[in-house]
C-alpha atoms as a PDB file:
ATOM      1  CA  MET A   1       2.140 -16.568 -25.947  1.00  0.00           C
ATOM      2  CA  VAL A   2      -1.454 -15.116 -25.784  1.00  0.00           C
ATOM      3  CA  PHE A   3      -2.314 -17.484 -22.809  1.00  0.00           C
ATOM      4  CA  ILE A   4       0.927 -16.251 -20.965  1.00  0.00           C
ATOM      5  CA  ILE A   5      -0.026 -12.477 -21.389  1.00  0.00           C
ATOM      6  CA  GLY A   6      -3.515 -13.213 -20.373  1.00  0.00           C
ATOM      7  CA  SER A   7      -2.293 -15.107 -17.229  1.00  0.00           C
ATOM      8  CA  ILE A   8      -0.096 -12.309 -16.274  1.00  0.00           C
ATOM      9  CA  ALA A   9      -2.718  -9.737 -16.801  1.00  0.00           C
ATOM     10  CA  ALA A  10      -5.158 -11.941 -14.542  1.00  0.00           C
ATOM     11  CA  VAL A  11      -2.509 -12.029 -11.750  1.00  0.00           C
ATOM     12  CA  PHE A  12      -1.863  -8.158 -11.752  1.00  0.00           C
ATOM     13  CA  THR A  13      -5.488  -7.085 -11.838  1.00  0.00           C
ATOM     14  CA  THR A  14      -6.664  -9.560  -9.292  1.00  0.00           C
ATOM     15  CA  VAL A  15      -3.736  -8.655  -6.958  1.00  0.00           C
ATOM     16  CA  ALA A  16      -4.194  -5.013  -7.496  1.00  0.00           C
ATOM     17  CA  PHE A  17      -7.475  -5.291  -5.747  1.00  0.00           C
ATOM     18  CA  LEU A  18      -6.122  -6.834  -2.695  1.00  0.00           C
ATOM     19  CA  PRO A  19      -4.561  -3.872  -0.926  1.00  0.00           C
ATOM     20  CA  GLN A  20      -8.069  -2.227  -0.839  1.00  0.00           C
ATOM     21  CA  VAL A  21      -9.743  -5.188   0.673  1.00  0.00           C
ATOM     22  CA  VAL A  22      -6.887  -5.643   3.430  1.00  0.00           C
ATOM     23  CA  LYS A  23      -7.157  -1.892   4.256  1.00  0.00           C
ATOM     24  CA  ALA A  24     -10.990  -1.942   4.541  1.00  0.00           C
ATOM     25  CA  HIS A  25     -10.811  -5.067   6.614  1.00  0.00           C
ATOM     26  CA  LYS A  26      -8.190  -3.699   9.079  1.00  0.00           C
ATOM     27  CA  SER A  27      -9.491  -0.176   9.496  1.00  0.00           C
ATOM     28  CA  GLN A  28     -13.237  -1.166   9.386  1.00  0.00           C
ATOM     29  CA  HIS A  29     -13.545   2.300   7.535  1.00  0.00           C
ATOM     30  CA  THR A  30     -15.455   2.095   4.120  1.00  0.00           C
ATOM     31  CA  LYS A  31     -17.252   5.462   4.036  1.00  0.00           C
ATOM     32  CA  ASP A  32     -15.100   6.602   1.033  1.00  0.00           C
ATOM     33  CA  LEU A  33     -15.864   3.410  -1.016  1.00  0.00           C
ATOM     34  CA  SER A  34     -18.653   4.065  -3.649  1.00  0.00           C
ATOM     35  CA  LEU A  35     -21.518   1.550  -3.149  1.00  0.00           C
ATOM     36  CA  ILE A  36     -22.540   2.127  -7.018  1.00  0.00           C
ATOM     37  CA  MET A  37     -18.959   1.293  -7.932  1.00  0.00           C
ATOM     38  CA  LEU A  38     -18.925  -1.923  -5.967  1.00  0.00           C
ATOM     39  CA  VAL A  39     -22.143  -3.061  -7.369  1.00  0.00           C
ATOM     40  CA  MET A  40     -21.159  -2.100 -10.910  1.00  0.00           C
ATOM     41  CA  LEU A  41     -18.005  -4.145 -10.314  1.00  0.00           C
ATOM     42  CA  LEU A  42     -19.668  -7.049  -8.959  1.00  0.00           C
ATOM     43  CA  VAL A  43     -21.940  -7.242 -12.079  1.00  0.00           C
ATOM     44  CA  GLY A  44     -18.991  -6.829 -14.301  1.00  0.00           C
ATOM     45  CA  LEU A  45     -17.070  -9.547 -12.526  1.00  0.00           C
ATOM     46  CA  VAL A  46     -19.984 -12.028 -12.639  1.00  0.00           C
ATOM     47  CA  LEU A  47     -20.236 -11.357 -16.492  1.00  0.00           C
ATOM     48  CA  TRP A  48     -16.514 -11.872 -17.016  1.00  0.00           C
ATOM     49  CA  THR A  49     -16.572 -15.126 -15.022  1.00  0.00           C
ATOM     50  CA  VAL A  50     -19.534 -16.339 -17.315  1.00  0.00           C
ATOM     51  CA  TYR A  51     -17.627 -15.211 -20.449  1.00  0.00           C
ATOM     52  CA  GLY A  52     -14.472 -17.013 -19.103  1.00  0.00           C
ATOM     53  CA  LEU A  53     -16.657 -20.279 -18.556  1.00  0.00           C
ATOM     54  CA  PHE A  54     -17.987 -20.018 -22.159  1.00  0.00           C
ATOM     55  CA  LEU A  55     -14.476 -19.706 -23.459  1.00  0.00           C
ATOM     56  CA  MET A  56     -13.160 -22.407 -20.976  1.00  0.00           C
ATOM     57  CA  SER A  57     -10.358 -19.775 -20.204  1.00  0.00           C
ATOM     58  CA  LEU A  58      -8.865 -20.674 -16.784  1.00  0.00           C
ATOM     59  CA  PRO A  59      -7.096 -17.291 -16.419  1.00  0.00           C
ATOM     60  CA  ILE A  60     -10.295 -15.429 -16.901  1.00  0.00           C
ATOM     61  CA  ILE A  61     -12.252 -17.689 -14.659  1.00  0.00           C
ATOM     62  CA  LEU A  62      -9.899 -17.780 -11.769  1.00  0.00           C
ATOM     63  CA  ALA A  63      -8.876 -14.233 -11.872  1.00  0.00           C
ATOM     64  CA  ASN A  64     -12.560 -12.990 -11.970  1.00  0.00           C
ATOM     65  CA  THR A  65     -13.756 -15.568  -9.317  1.00  0.00           C
ATOM     66  CA  ILE A  66     -11.056 -14.551  -6.954  1.00  0.00           C
ATOM     67  CA  THR A  67     -11.848 -10.847  -7.523  1.00  0.00           C
ATOM     68  CA  LEU A  68     -15.556 -11.374  -7.303  1.00  0.00           C
ATOM     69  CA  ALA A  69     -15.043 -12.965  -3.849  1.00  0.00           C
ATOM     70  CA  MET A  70     -13.013  -9.936  -2.704  1.00  0.00           C
ATOM     71  CA  CYS A  71     -15.604  -7.616  -4.222  1.00  0.00           C
ATOM     72  CA  LEU A  72     -18.341  -9.543  -2.235  1.00  0.00           C
ATOM     73  CA  TYR A  73     -16.307  -9.243   1.003  1.00  0.00           C
ATOM     74  CA  LEU A  74     -15.651  -5.492   0.326  1.00  0.00           C
ATOM     75  CA  LEU A  75     -19.530  -5.014  -0.331  1.00  0.00           C
ATOM     76  CA  TYR A  76     -20.221  -6.758   3.089  1.00  0.00           C
ATOM     77  CA  LEU A  77     -17.767  -4.516   4.795  1.00  0.00           C
ATOM     78  CA  LYS A  78     -19.298  -1.485   3.151  1.00  0.00           C
ATOM     79  CA  ILE A  79     -22.940  -2.500   4.243  1.00  0.00           C
ATOM     80  CA  LYS A  80     -21.614  -3.508   7.738  1.00  0.00           C
ATOM     81  CA  TYR A  81     -19.481  -0.338   8.405  1.00  0.00           C
ATOM     82  CA  GLY A  82     -21.204   2.223   5.954  1.00  0.00           C
END
């Protein structure tokens, strides 16, 4: 049961980030995104991924790796478009 709850939470938190990435990609407008927030989120996602690796928890590893990739792309867009 715990695995199912963790998996559902992982899906929702990962998918919740997607609309922001799509919006920034399409509009090429990232002025309102906080650079500090993106960097802090990036660090947190790296740590969550490492934590998931230590626990060998697939939901934690997958969710945070996918969100990490989206965060890196958003950071790239932020740097590119300001």
